[in-house]
Amino acid sequence: MTTLRTGLFVPQGWRLDLVDVEPAEQWRTMLDVARRAEAGSWESVWVYDHFHTTPHPTQEATHEAWTLMAALAAATDRIRLGQMCTCMGYRHPAHLAKIAATVDAISGGRVEMGIGAGWYEHEFRAYGYGFPGTGERIGRLRDGVQIMQRLWHEGEATLEGEWYSVDGAICQPQPLQRRPDGTPHIPTWIAGGGEQRTLRYVARWGDASNFGGTPEQFARKRDILHRHCDDVGRDPGTITNSTNLNVVVRATEAEARRVVDEVHARTDRTLPADQAGAAFKPEGAAVGSPEQVADRIRALQAAGCDYLVVYMPDVAYGHEGIDAFEEAVLPLLD
């Protein structure tokens, strides 16, 4: 079984996880979670790249991902910083490469670059980006990853893609992080489980994959990724296989279920009546005692997952779930 590395999502409002936190206190709440994770056993903290709340756009805050990345970079010392994941359609990739390299400098070389094609149609259209079809969004991901990596590696790029082009674009500062050969580089997590294109892009350019599903579905995607690696001559062992998991853990399943009820009591006040309970769905999540949560994680490990990014819907209101995960779940995974 693979050794598990762990990251923790910071509450930023996108999933209605800052309801009842006063606007002036929201940044401090997010920072407290990040610093709690840094003081513990977590390798990384993560944010989402979204503009409007889910599952329904509301007037509740959704804090912007890369602004948070820069703030967290300056306010923490050890923990690595990622987004799961940045939407390629929201920023030109040359601009995004510059942003990420600057945040890498601020952080002392702690950025993980999550990138994906995007899917949230409402915010695409609301912000004036239109909503390209799947083929175009995937094509933009392909072009954009190549532009970003060339800018990081060489400091300058000229490249004509199908959807994005650059002509003498300069990226200074370059990232502080380096590949083993000394090339400036930011670890690139290409998110999505598309079997024909996205996973092939992971094999060609990714340092990590990120796809979801049951352990059986995860294992299938991993196997397809490995076949793409064979096709391009890549050692699949050089790619981190990650997934995200929603977790509510307490000493007993009954206590964990009560936490879910509390989450729904907060979030349902902001949602249309027909979406009650939709902000956090316990189906598919790991909800229960430490043993129950560990069982779910072990199944993912057996399927090939070696990096778990955990989302806890209650961490803005207390750190009991973080404590329980560190003190009672992780020891069961050794």
C-alpha atoms as a PDB file:
ATOM      1  CA  MET A   1       0.000   0.000   0.000  1.00  0.00           C
ATOM      2  CA  THR A   2       1.262   3.456  -0.887  1.00  0.00           C
ATOM      3  CA  THR A   3       2.385   5.938   1.758  1.00  0.00           C
ATOM      4  CA  LEU A   4      -0.326   8.560   2.063  1.00  0.00           C
ATOM      5  CA  ARG A   5       0.365  12.297   1.869  1.00  0.00           C
ATOM      6  CA  THR A   6      -2.394  14.670   2.944  1.00  0.00           C
ATOM      7  CA  GLY A   7      -3.644  18.147   2.178  1.00  0.00           C
ATOM      8  CA  LEU A   8      -6.533  20.137   3.672  1.00  0.00           C
ATOM      9  CA  PHE A   9      -8.925  22.555   1.992  1.00  0.00           C
ATOM     10  CA  VAL A  10      -9.203  25.963   3.620  1.00  0.00           C
ATOM     11  CA  PRO A  11     -12.809  27.196   3.972  1.00  0.00           C
ATOM     12  CA  GLN A  12     -13.215  30.065   1.525  1.00  0.00           C
ATOM     13  CA  GLY A  13     -16.969  30.299   1.090  1.00  0.00           C
ATOM     14  CA  TRP A  14     -17.392  28.513  -2.237  1.00  0.00           C
ATOM     15  CA  ARG A  15     -19.110  25.570  -0.583  1.00  0.00           C
ATOM     16  CA  LEU A  16     -21.057  27.831   1.799  1.00  0.00           C
ATOM     17  CA  ASP A  17     -18.575  27.022   4.548  1.00  0.00           C
ATOM     18  CA  LEU A  18     -18.253  30.585   5.902  1.00  0.00           C
ATOM     19  CA  VAL A  19     -21.949  31.179   6.536  1.00  0.00           C
ATOM     20  CA  ASP A  20     -22.389  32.944   9.912  1.00  0.00           C
ATOM     21  CA  VAL A  21     -18.748  34.107   9.914  1.00  0.00           C
ATOM     22  CA  GLU A  22     -18.720  37.910   9.772  1.00  0.00           C
ATOM     23  CA  PRO A  23     -17.071  39.259   6.594  1.00  0.00           C
ATOM     24  CA  ALA A  24     -14.399  41.043   8.604  1.00  0.00           C
ATOM     25  CA  GLU A  25     -13.516  37.754  10.308  1.00  0.00           C
ATOM     26  CA  GLN A  26     -13.454  35.484   7.264  1.00  0.00           C
ATOM     27  CA  TRP A  27      -9.804  35.985   6.318  1.00  0.00           C
ATOM     28  CA  ARG A  28      -8.717  35.402   9.914  1.00  0.00           C
ATOM     29  CA  THR A  29     -10.832  32.224   9.980  1.00  0.00           C
ATOM     30  CA  MET A  30      -9.200  30.924   6.805  1.00  0.00           C
ATOM     31  CA  LEU A  31      -5.739  31.805   8.065  1.00  0.00           C
ATOM     32  CA  ASP A  32      -6.370  30.088  11.396  1.00  0.00           C
ATOM     33  CA  VAL A  33      -7.224  26.851   9.567  1.00  0.00           C
ATOM     34  CA  ALA A  34      -4.098  27.119   7.396  1.00  0.00           C
ATOM     35  CA  ARG A  35      -1.883  27.755  10.414  1.00  0.00           C
ATOM     36  CA  ARG A  36      -3.521  24.907  12.332  1.00  0.00           C
ATOM     37  CA  ALA A  37      -2.750  22.603   9.402  1.00  0.00           C
ATOM     38  CA  GLU A  38       0.818  23.924   9.242  1.00  0.00           C
ATOM     39  CA  ALA A  39       1.303  23.197  12.936  1.00  0.00           C
ATOM     40  CA  GLY A  40       0.036  19.660  12.423  1.00  0.00           C
ATOM     41  CA  SER A  41       0.859  16.763  10.154  1.00  0.00           C
ATOM     42  CA  TRP A  42      -0.577  18.089   6.867  1.00  0.00           C
ATOM     43  CA  GLU A  43       1.701  18.547   3.871  1.00  0.00           C
ATOM     44  CA  SER A  44      -0.416  21.165   2.126  1.00  0.00           C
ATOM     45  CA  VAL A  45      -3.459  23.435   2.209  1.00  0.00           C
ATOM     46  CA  TRP A  46      -5.708  24.051  -0.777  1.00  0.00           C
ATOM     47  CA  VAL A  47      -8.287  26.471  -2.140  1.00  0.00           C
ATOM     48  CA  TYR A  48     -10.845  26.257  -4.938  1.00  0.00           C
ATOM     49  CA  ASP A  49     -10.757  28.513  -8.001  1.00  0.00           C
ATOM     50  CA  HIS A  50     -14.367  29.687  -8.196  1.00  0.00           C
ATOM     51  CA  PHE A  51     -16.266  32.980  -8.156  1.00  0.00           C
ATOM     52  CA  HIS A  52     -19.810  31.985  -7.152  1.00  0.00           C
ATOM     53  CA  THR A  53     -21.016  29.619  -4.453  1.00  0.00           C
ATOM     54  CA  THR A  54     -22.105  26.065  -5.169  1.00  0.00           C
ATOM     55  CA  PRO A  55     -24.503  24.287  -5.605  1.00  0.00           C
ATOM     56  CA  HIS A  56     -26.349  27.560  -6.236  1.00  0.00           C
ATOM     57  CA  PRO A  57     -25.022  31.098  -6.795  1.00  0.00           C
ATOM     58  CA  THR A  58     -25.755  33.182  -3.704  1.00  0.00           C
ATOM     59  CA  GLN A  59     -24.615  36.439  -2.135  1.00  0.00           C
ATOM     60  CA  GLU A  60     -22.404  34.513   0.309  1.00  0.00           C
ATOM     61  CA  ALA A  61     -18.685  35.244  -0.119  1.00  0.00           C
ATOM     62  CA  THR A  62     -16.414  33.202  -2.358  1.00  0.00           C
ATOM     63  CA  HIS A  63     -12.866  34.466  -1.850  1.00  0.00           C
ATOM     64  CA  GLU A  64     -10.664  34.580  -4.960  1.00  0.00           C
ATOM     65  CA  ALA A  65      -8.179  31.731  -5.185  1.00  0.00           C
ATOM     66  CA  TRP A  66      -4.921  33.360  -6.255  1.00  0.00           C
ATOM     67  CA  THR A  67      -5.390  36.343  -3.950  1.00  0.00           C
ATOM     68  CA  LEU A  68      -5.655  33.802  -1.130  1.00  0.00           C
ATOM     69  CA  MET A  69      -2.610  31.950  -2.455  1.00  0.00           C
ATOM     70  CA  ALA A  70      -0.489  35.104  -2.204  1.00  0.00           C
ATOM     71  CA  ALA A  71      -1.828  35.929   1.253  1.00  0.00           C
ATOM     72  CA  LEU A  72      -1.255  32.406   2.552  1.00  0.00           C
ATOM     73  CA  ALA A  73       2.219  32.388   1.011  1.00  0.00           C
ATOM     74  CA  ALA A  74       3.146  35.441   3.059  1.00  0.00           C
ATOM     75  CA  ALA A  75       1.415  34.269   6.254  1.00  0.00           C
ATOM     76  CA  THR A  76       2.760  30.705   6.514  1.00  0.00           C
ATOM     77  CA  ASP A  77       6.246  29.204   6.570  1.00  0.00           C
ATOM     78  CA  ARG A  78       6.249  25.449   5.930  1.00  0.00           C
ATOM     79  CA  ILE A  79       3.063  24.174   4.427  1.00  0.00           C
ATOM     80  CA  ARG A  80       2.690  23.809   0.667  1.00  0.00           C
ATOM     81  CA  LEU A  81      -0.038  25.756  -1.131  1.00  0.00           C
ATOM     82  CA  GLY A  82      -2.306  24.534  -3.911  1.00  0.00           C
ATOM     83  CA  GLN A  83      -5.568  25.113  -5.761  1.00  0.00           C
ATOM     84  CA  MET A  84      -7.794  22.254  -6.836  1.00  0.00           C
ATOM     85  CA  CYS A  85      -7.978  23.457  -9.331  1.00  0.00           C
ATOM     86  CA  THR A  86      -7.331  26.655 -11.262  1.00  0.00           C
ATOM     87  CA  CYS A  87      -9.636  27.001 -14.265  1.00  0.00           C
ATOM     88  CA  MET A  88      -7.664  27.553 -17.446  1.00  0.00           C
ATOM     89  CA  GLY A  89     -10.528  29.526 -18.964  1.00  0.00           C
ATOM     90  CA  TYR A  90     -10.430  32.292 -16.352  1.00  0.00           C
ATOM     91  CA  ARG A  91      -6.933  33.704 -17.010  1.00  0.00           C
ATOM     92  CA  HIS A  92      -4.624  33.702 -20.018  1.00  0.00           C
ATOM     93  CA  PRO A  93      -1.969  31.048 -19.334  1.00  0.00           C
ATOM     94  CA  ALA A  94       0.936  33.499 -19.722  1.00  0.00           C
ATOM     95  CA  HIS A  95      -0.646  35.738 -17.076  1.00  0.00           C
ATOM     96  CA  LEU A  96      -1.334  32.688 -14.905  1.00  0.00           C
ATOM     97  CA  ALA A  97       2.280  31.508 -15.222  1.00  0.00           C
ATOM     98  CA  LYS A  98       3.433  34.945 -14.044  1.00  0.00           C
ATOM     99  CA  ILE A  99       1.008  34.904 -11.090  1.00  0.00           C
ATOM    100  CA  ALA A 100       2.079  31.425 -10.012  1.00  0.00           C
ATOM    101  CA  ALA A 101       5.796  32.213 -10.318  1.00  0.00           C
ATOM    102  CA  THR A 102       5.352  35.342  -8.220  1.00  0.00           C
ATOM    103  CA  VAL A 103       3.470  33.436  -5.513  1.00  0.00           C
ATOM    104  CA  ASP A 104       6.177  30.771  -5.606  1.00  0.00           C
ATOM    105  CA  ALA A 105       8.724  33.496  -4.877  1.00  0.00           C
ATOM    106  CA  ILE A 106       6.623  34.934  -2.047  1.00  0.00           C
ATOM    107  CA  SER A 107       6.222  31.474  -0.498  1.00  0.00           C
ATOM    108  CA  GLY A 108       9.858  30.476  -0.786  1.00  0.00           C
ATOM    109  CA  GLY A 109       9.024  27.750  -3.312  1.00  0.00           C
ATOM    110  CA  ARG A 110       5.873  26.101  -1.927  1.00  0.00           C
ATOM    111  CA  VAL A 111       3.321  26.327  -4.754  1.00  0.00           C
ATOM    112  CA  GLU A 112       1.488  23.350  -6.251  1.00  0.00           C
ATOM    113  CA  MET A 113      -0.113  24.321  -9.587  1.00  0.00           C
ATOM    114  CA  GLY A 114      -3.519  22.691  -9.930  1.00  0.00           C
ATOM    115  CA  ILE A 115      -5.031  23.218 -13.388  1.00  0.00           C
ATOM    116  CA  GLY A 116      -8.153  22.012 -15.150  1.00  0.00           C
ATOM    117  CA  ALA A 117     -10.518  22.800 -18.003  1.00  0.00           C
ATOM    118  CA  GLY A 118     -13.333  24.230 -15.856  1.00  0.00           C
ATOM    119  CA  TRP A 119     -17.000  23.278 -15.650  1.00  0.00           C
ATOM    120  CA  TYR A 120     -19.101  25.826 -13.706  1.00  0.00           C
ATOM    121  CA  GLU A 121     -21.185  27.283 -16.538  1.00  0.00           C
ATOM    122  CA  HIS A 122     -22.951  29.918 -14.458  1.00  0.00           C
ATOM    123  CA  GLU A 123     -19.788  31.701 -13.384  1.00  0.00           C
ATOM    124  CA  PHE A 124     -18.163  31.312 -16.818  1.00  0.00           C
ATOM    125  CA  ARG A 125     -21.067  33.204 -18.379  1.00  0.00           C
ATOM    126  CA  ALA A 126     -21.563  35.630 -15.486  1.00  0.00           C
ATOM    127  CA  TYR A 127     -17.946  36.823 -15.764  1.00  0.00           C
ATOM    128  CA  GLY A 128     -18.158  37.244 -19.522  1.00  0.00           C
ATOM    129  CA  TYR A 129     -16.074  34.245 -20.584  1.00  0.00           C
ATOM    130  CA  GLY A 130     -18.870  32.544 -22.480  1.00  0.00           C
ATOM    131  CA  PHE A 131     -18.980  28.808 -22.016  1.00  0.00           C
ATOM    132  CA  PRO A 132     -16.976  26.999 -24.698  1.00  0.00           C
ATOM    133  CA  GLY A 133     -17.796  23.412 -25.507  1.00  0.00           C
ATOM    134  CA  THR A 134     -15.910  20.567 -23.887  1.00  0.00           C
ATOM    135  CA  GLY A 135     -13.520  20.151 -26.817  1.00  0.00           C
ATOM    136  CA  GLU A 136     -12.461  23.788 -26.736  1.00  0.00           C
ATOM    137  CA  ARG A 137     -12.063  23.852 -22.959  1.00  0.00           C
ATOM    138  CA  ILE A 138      -9.873  20.736 -23.089  1.00  0.00           C
ATOM    139  CA  GLY A 139      -7.915  22.238 -25.993  1.00  0.00           C
ATOM    140  CA  ARG A 140      -7.299  25.401 -23.978  1.00  0.00           C
ATOM    141  CA  LEU A 141      -6.013  23.234 -21.134  1.00  0.00           C
ATOM    142  CA  ARG A 142      -3.568  21.527 -23.512  1.00  0.00           C
ATOM    143  CA  ASP A 143      -2.275  24.803 -24.956  1.00  0.00           C
ATOM    144  CA  GLY A 144      -2.148  26.537 -21.607  1.00  0.00           C
ATOM    145  CA  VAL A 145      -0.123  23.916 -19.768  1.00  0.00           C
ATOM    146  CA  GLN A 146       2.514  24.012 -22.485  1.00  0.00           C
ATOM    147  CA  ILE A 147       2.726  27.812 -22.382  1.00  0.00           C
ATOM    148  CA  MET A 148       2.992  27.902 -18.592  1.00  0.00           C
ATOM    149  CA  GLN A 149       5.680  25.264 -18.416  1.00  0.00           C
ATOM    150  CA  ARG A 150       7.747  26.810 -21.204  1.00  0.00           C
ATOM    151  CA  LEU A 151       7.607  30.181 -19.446  1.00  0.00           C
ATOM    152  CA  TRP A 152       8.670  28.642 -16.145  1.00  0.00           C
ATOM    153  CA  HIS A 153      11.424  26.534 -17.682  1.00  0.00           C
ATOM    154  CA  GLU A 154      12.902  29.108 -20.057  1.00  0.00           C
ATOM    155  CA  GLY A 155      11.750  32.471 -18.696  1.00  0.00           C
ATOM    156  CA  GLU A 156      10.398  33.404 -22.141  1.00  0.00           C
ATOM    157  CA  ALA A 157       8.062  31.739 -24.605  1.00  0.00           C
ATOM    158  CA  THR A 158       6.838  31.974 -28.164  1.00  0.00           C
ATOM    159  CA  LEU A 159       4.239  29.373 -28.990  1.00  0.00           C
ATOM    160  CA  GLU A 160       1.266  29.283 -31.321  1.00  0.00           C
ATOM    161  CA  GLY A 161      -1.447  26.951 -30.102  1.00  0.00           C
ATOM    162  CA  GLU A 162      -4.935  26.282 -31.331  1.00  0.00           C
ATOM    163  CA  TRP A 163      -6.533  28.454 -28.646  1.00  0.00           C
ATOM    164  CA  TYR A 164      -3.720  30.354 -26.940  1.00  0.00           C
ATOM    165  CA  SER A 165      -0.580  31.915 -28.362  1.00  0.00           C
ATOM    166  CA  VAL A 166       2.321  33.930 -26.972  1.00  0.00           C
ATOM    167  CA  ASP A 167       5.019  35.871 -28.803  1.00  0.00           C
ATOM    168  CA  GLY A 168       8.064  36.681 -26.732  1.00  0.00           C
ATOM    169  CA  ALA A 169       6.219  36.527 -23.401  1.00  0.00           C
ATOM    170  CA  ILE A 170       8.611  36.910 -20.447  1.00  0.00           C
ATOM    171  CA  CYS A 171       8.112  35.280 -17.054  1.00  0.00           C
ATOM    172  CA  GLN A 172      10.404  36.879 -14.511  1.00  0.00           C
ATOM    173  CA  PRO A 173      10.754  35.989 -11.743  1.00  0.00           C
ATOM    174  CA  GLN A 174      10.965  32.336 -12.657  1.00  0.00           C
ATOM    175  CA  PRO A 175       9.795  29.867 -10.025  1.00  0.00           C
ATOM    176  CA  LEU A 176      12.127  29.189  -7.132  1.00  0.00           C
ATOM    177  CA  GLN A 177      11.400  25.465  -7.324  1.00  0.00           C
ATOM    178  CA  ARG A 178      13.600  23.288  -9.502  1.00  0.00           C
ATOM    179  CA  ARG A 179      13.414  19.948 -11.215  1.00  0.00           C
ATOM    180  CA  PRO A 180      16.263  17.516 -10.459  1.00  0.00           C
ATOM    181  CA  ASP A 181      18.085  18.805 -13.553  1.00  0.00           C
ATOM    182  CA  GLY A 182      17.909  22.380 -12.226  1.00  0.00           C
ATOM    183  CA  THR A 183      15.118  23.595 -14.527  1.00  0.00           C
ATOM    184  CA  PRO A 184      12.760  26.111 -12.855  1.00  0.00           C
ATOM    185  CA  HIS A 185       9.414  24.398 -12.438  1.00  0.00           C
ATOM    186  CA  ILE A 186       6.199  24.399 -10.407  1.00  0.00           C
ATOM    187  CA  PRO A 187       4.688  20.943  -9.761  1.00  0.00           C
ATOM    188  CA  THR A 188       1.704  20.692 -12.111  1.00  0.00           C
ATOM    189  CA  TRP A 189      -1.442  18.843 -11.025  1.00  0.00           C
ATOM    190  CA  ILE A 190      -3.679  18.277 -14.062  1.00  0.00           C
ATOM    191  CA  ALA A 191      -7.167  17.617 -12.735  1.00  0.00           C
ATOM    192  CA  GLY A 192      -9.890  15.623 -14.436  1.00  0.00           C
ATOM    193  CA  GLY A 193     -10.612  12.077 -15.436  1.00  0.00           C
ATOM    194  CA  GLY A 194     -11.167  12.401 -19.180  1.00  0.00           C
ATOM    195  CA  GLU A 195      -9.759   9.153 -20.486  1.00  0.00           C
ATOM    196  CA  GLN A 196      -8.794  10.107 -24.037  1.00  0.00           C
ATOM    197  CA  ARG A 197      -7.334  13.589 -23.577  1.00  0.00           C
ATOM    198  CA  THR A 198      -7.006  14.827 -20.001  1.00  0.00           C
ATOM    199  CA  LEU A 199      -5.246  11.706 -18.724  1.00  0.00           C
ATOM    200  CA  ARG A 200      -2.988  11.768 -21.771  1.00  0.00           C
ATOM    201  CA  TYR A 201      -2.038  15.345 -20.881  1.00  0.00           C
ATOM    202  CA  VAL A 202      -1.217  14.168 -17.362  1.00  0.00           C
ATOM    203  CA  ALA A 203       1.104  11.537 -18.839  1.00  0.00           C
ATOM    204  CA  ARG A 204       2.850  14.139 -20.996  1.00  0.00           C
ATOM    205  CA  TRP A 205       3.064  17.172 -18.720  1.00  0.00           C
ATOM    206  CA  GLY A 206       1.690  16.404 -15.270  1.00  0.00           C
ATOM    207  CA  ASP A 207       3.519  15.881 -12.019  1.00  0.00           C
ATOM    208  CA  ALA A 208       0.252  14.750 -10.427  1.00  0.00           C
ATOM    209  CA  SER A 209      -3.209  13.610 -11.428  1.00  0.00           C
ATOM    210  CA  ASN A 210      -6.431  14.376  -9.582  1.00  0.00           C
ATOM    211  CA  PHE A 211      -9.617  12.466 -10.269  1.00  0.00           C
ATOM    212  CA  GLY A 212     -12.493  11.292  -8.132  1.00  0.00           C
ATOM    213  CA  GLY A 213     -14.913   8.411  -7.840  1.00  0.00           C
ATOM    214  CA  THR A 214     -15.171   5.192  -5.889  1.00  0.00           C
ATOM    215  CA  PRO A 215     -12.022   3.164  -5.246  1.00  0.00           C
ATOM    216  CA  GLU A 216     -12.974   0.988  -8.211  1.00  0.00           C
ATOM    217  CA  GLN A 217     -13.388   4.021 -10.460  1.00  0.00           C
ATOM    218  CA  PHE A 218     -10.122   5.476  -9.184  1.00  0.00           C
ATOM    219  CA  ALA A 219      -8.277   2.260 -10.011  1.00  0.00           C
ATOM    220  CA  ARG A 220      -9.711   2.304 -13.542  1.00  0.00           C
ATOM    221  CA  LYS A 221      -8.538   5.873 -14.158  1.00  0.00           C
ATOM    222  CA  ARG A 222      -5.114   5.036 -12.732  1.00  0.00           C
ATOM    223  CA  ASP A 223      -4.779   2.079 -15.096  1.00  0.00           C
ATOM    224  CA  ILE A 224      -5.750   4.223 -18.089  1.00  0.00           C
ATOM    225  CA  LEU A 225      -3.230   6.859 -17.025  1.00  0.00           C
ATOM    226  CA  HIS A 226      -0.546   4.177 -16.853  1.00  0.00           C
ATOM    227  CA  ARG A 227      -1.357   3.092 -20.413  1.00  0.00           C
ATOM    228  CA  HIS A 228      -0.971   6.675 -21.597  1.00  0.00           C
ATOM    229  CA  CYS A 229       2.366   6.782 -19.789  1.00  0.00           C
ATOM    230  CA  ASP A 230       3.453   3.681 -21.691  1.00  0.00           C
ATOM    231  CA  ASP A 231       2.443   5.357 -24.962  1.00  0.00           C
ATOM    232  CA  VAL A 232       4.572   8.458 -24.301  1.00  0.00           C
ATOM    233  CA  GLY A 233       7.482   6.661 -22.633  1.00  0.00           C
ATOM    234  CA  ARG A 234       6.805   8.050 -19.146  1.00  0.00           C
ATOM    235  CA  ASP A 235       7.457   6.177 -15.915  1.00  0.00           C
ATOM    236  CA  PRO A 236       4.040   6.248 -14.156  1.00  0.00           C
ATOM    237  CA  GLY A 237       5.863   6.133 -10.847  1.00  0.00           C
ATOM    238  CA  THR A 238       6.916   9.745 -11.436  1.00  0.00           C
ATOM    239  CA  ILE A 239       3.276  10.916 -11.248  1.00  0.00           C
ATOM    240  CA  THR A 240       1.475  11.456  -7.943  1.00  0.00           C
ATOM    241  CA  ASN A 241      -2.043   9.994  -7.963  1.00  0.00           C
ATOM    242  CA  SER A 242      -4.392  12.169  -5.913  1.00  0.00           C
ATOM    243  CA  THR A 243      -8.055  12.484  -5.099  1.00  0.00           C
ATOM    244  CA  ASN A 244     -10.250  14.773  -3.017  1.00  0.00           C
ATOM    245  CA  LEU A 245     -12.387  13.392  -0.205  1.00  0.00           C
ATOM    246  CA  ASN A 246     -15.140  15.029   1.824  1.00  0.00           C
ATOM    247  CA  VAL A 247     -14.686  14.053   5.485  1.00  0.00           C
ATOM    248  CA  VAL A 248     -16.611  14.481   8.710  1.00  0.00           C
ATOM    249  CA  VAL A 249     -14.960  12.515  11.500  1.00  0.00           C
ATOM    250  CA  ARG A 250     -15.822  12.360  15.193  1.00  0.00           C
ATOM    251  CA  ALA A 251     -15.462   9.754  17.930  1.00  0.00           C
ATOM    252  CA  THR A 252     -18.677   8.026  16.822  1.00  0.00           C
ATOM    253  CA  GLU A 253     -20.775   7.878  13.685  1.00  0.00           C
ATOM    254  CA  ALA A 254     -23.689   9.473  15.561  1.00  0.00           C
ATOM    255  CA  GLU A 255     -21.564  12.475  16.471  1.00  0.00           C
ATOM    256  CA  ALA A 256     -20.362  12.817  12.889  1.00  0.00           C
ATOM    257  CA  ARG A 257     -23.953  12.702  11.616  1.00  0.00           C
ATOM    258  CA  ARG A 258     -24.877  15.477  14.038  1.00  0.00           C
ATOM    259  CA  VAL A 259     -22.107  17.612  12.527  1.00  0.00           C
ATOM    260  CA  VAL A 260     -23.579  17.011   9.058  1.00  0.00           C
ATOM    261  CA  ASP A 261     -26.978  18.131  10.384  1.00  0.00           C
ATOM    262  CA  GLU A 262     -25.366  21.316  11.745  1.00  0.00           C
ATOM    263  CA  VAL A 263     -23.742  21.978   8.371  1.00  0.00           C
ATOM    264  CA  HIS A 264     -27.100  21.618   6.621  1.00  0.00           C
ATOM    265  CA  ALA A 265     -28.810  23.867   9.164  1.00  0.00           C
ATOM    266  CA  ARG A 266     -26.373  26.652   8.219  1.00  0.00           C
ATOM    267  CA  THR A 267     -26.164  26.165   4.482  1.00  0.00           C
ATOM    268  CA  ASP A 268     -29.851  25.450   3.833  1.00  0.00           C
ATOM    269  CA  ARG A 269     -30.752  28.965   4.982  1.00  0.00           C
ATOM    270  CA  THR A 270     -28.931  30.313   1.911  1.00  0.00           C
ATOM    271  CA  LEU A 271     -30.298  27.861  -0.661  1.00  0.00           C
ATOM    272  CA  PRO A 272     -33.615  27.435  -2.483  1.00  0.00           C
ATOM    273  CA  ALA A 273     -35.897  24.984  -0.701  1.00  0.00           C
ATOM    274  CA  ASP A 274     -35.523  22.385  -3.440  1.00  0.00           C
ATOM    275  CA  GLN A 275     -31.749  22.273  -2.806  1.00  0.00           C
ATOM    276  CA  ALA A 276     -31.869  21.582   0.915  1.00  0.00           C
ATOM    277  CA  GLY A 277     -28.947  19.364   1.914  1.00  0.00           C
ATOM    278  CA  ALA A 278     -27.163  19.887  -1.401  1.00  0.00           C
ATOM    279  CA  ALA A 279     -24.212  21.916  -0.083  1.00  0.00           C
ATOM    280  CA  PHE A 280     -22.731  18.850   1.597  1.00  0.00           C
ATOM    281  CA  LYS A 281     -23.876  15.402   0.563  1.00  0.00           C
ATOM    282  CA  PRO A 282     -22.869  12.635   2.982  1.00  0.00           C
ATOM    283  CA  GLU A 283     -23.371  10.100   0.197  1.00  0.00           C
ATOM    284  CA  GLY A 284     -19.914   9.450  -1.188  1.00  0.00           C
ATOM    285  CA  ALA A 285     -18.241  11.253   1.704  1.00  0.00           C
ATOM    286  CA  ALA A 286     -16.331   9.641   4.557  1.00  0.00           C
ATOM    287  CA  VAL A 287     -18.644  10.370   7.492  1.00  0.00           C
ATOM    288  CA  GLY A 288     -18.276   8.526  10.752  1.00  0.00           C
ATOM    289  CA  SER A 289     -15.870   7.284  13.367  1.00  0.00           C
ATOM    290  CA  PRO A 290     -12.093   7.234  12.833  1.00  0.00           C
ATOM    291  CA  GLU A 291     -12.286   3.546  11.966  1.00  0.00           C
ATOM    292  CA  GLN A 292     -14.990   4.139   9.351  1.00  0.00           C
ATOM    293  CA  VAL A 293     -13.106   7.030   7.773  1.00  0.00           C
ATOM    294  CA  ALA A 294      -9.847   5.060   7.785  1.00  0.00           C
ATOM    295  CA  ASP A 295     -11.558   2.136   6.059  1.00  0.00           C
ATOM    296  CA  ARG A 296     -12.645   4.409   3.226  1.00  0.00           C
ATOM    297  CA  ILE A 297      -9.170   5.890   2.869  1.00  0.00           C
ATOM    298  CA  ARG A 298      -7.469   2.484   2.921  1.00  0.00           C
ATOM    299  CA  ALA A 299      -9.666   1.426   0.005  1.00  0.00           C
ATOM    300  CA  LEU A 300      -8.466   4.465  -1.966  1.00  0.00           C
ATOM    301  CA  GLN A 301      -4.862   3.679  -1.075  1.00  0.00           C
ATOM    302  CA  ALA A 302      -5.323   0.117  -2.285  1.00  0.00           C
ATOM    303  CA  ALA A 303      -6.621   1.557  -5.570  1.00  0.00           C
ATOM    304  CA  GLY A 304      -3.400   3.541  -5.997  1.00  0.00           C
ATOM    305  CA  CYS A 305      -4.105   6.871  -4.303  1.00  0.00           C
ATOM    306  CA  ASP A 306      -0.986   8.287  -2.671  1.00  0.00           C
ATOM    307  CA  TYR A 307      -2.152  11.867  -2.020  1.00  0.00           C
ATOM    308  CA  LEU A 308      -5.451  12.744  -0.351  1.00  0.00           C
ATOM    309  CA  VAL A 309      -6.829  16.292  -0.314  1.00  0.00           C
ATOM    310  CA  VAL A 310      -9.425  16.463   2.456  1.00  0.00           C
ATOM    311  CA  TYR A 311     -12.409  18.808   2.597  1.00  0.00           C
ATOM    312  CA  MET A 312     -14.100  19.242   5.987  1.00  0.00           C
ATOM    313  CA  PRO A 313     -17.267  21.386   5.856  1.00  0.00           C
ATOM    314  CA  ASP A 314     -17.106  22.397   9.531  1.00  0.00           C
ATOM    315  CA  VAL A 315     -13.536  23.661  10.039  1.00  0.00           C
ATOM    316  CA  ALA A 316     -14.483  27.352   9.997  1.00  0.00           C
ATOM    317  CA  TYR A 317     -16.442  26.773  13.221  1.00  0.00           C
ATOM    318  CA  GLY A 318     -13.937  24.635  15.123  1.00  0.00           C
ATOM    319  CA  HIS A 319     -10.956  22.376  14.581  1.00  0.00           C
ATOM    320  CA  GLU A 320     -12.342  19.200  16.168  1.00  0.00           C
ATOM    321  CA  GLY A 321     -12.408  17.420  12.816  1.00  0.00           C
ATOM    322  CA  ILE A 322      -8.774  18.292  12.128  1.00  0.00           C
ATOM    323  CA  ASP A 323      -7.814  17.043  15.586  1.00  0.00           C
ATOM    324  CA  ALA A 324      -9.706  13.783  15.127  1.00  0.00           C
ATOM    325  CA  PHE A 325      -8.184  13.165  11.708  1.00  0.00           C
ATOM    326  CA  GLU A 326      -4.642  13.708  12.952  1.00  0.00           C
ATOM    327  CA  GLU A 327      -4.973  11.933  16.289  1.00  0.00           C
ATOM    328  CA  ALA A 328      -7.304   9.060  15.451  1.00  0.00           C
ATOM    329  CA  VAL A 329      -7.460   8.485  11.672  1.00  0.00           C
ATOM    330  CA  LEU A 330      -3.866   8.856  10.542  1.00  0.00           C
ATOM    331  CA  PRO A 331      -2.504   6.337  13.097  1.00  0.00           C
ATOM    332  CA  LEU A 332      -4.854   3.732  11.604  1.00  0.00           C
ATOM    333  CA  LEU A 333      -3.269   4.252   8.186  1.00  0.00           C
ATOM    334  CA  ASP A 334       0.338   3.511   9.231  1.00  0.00           C
END
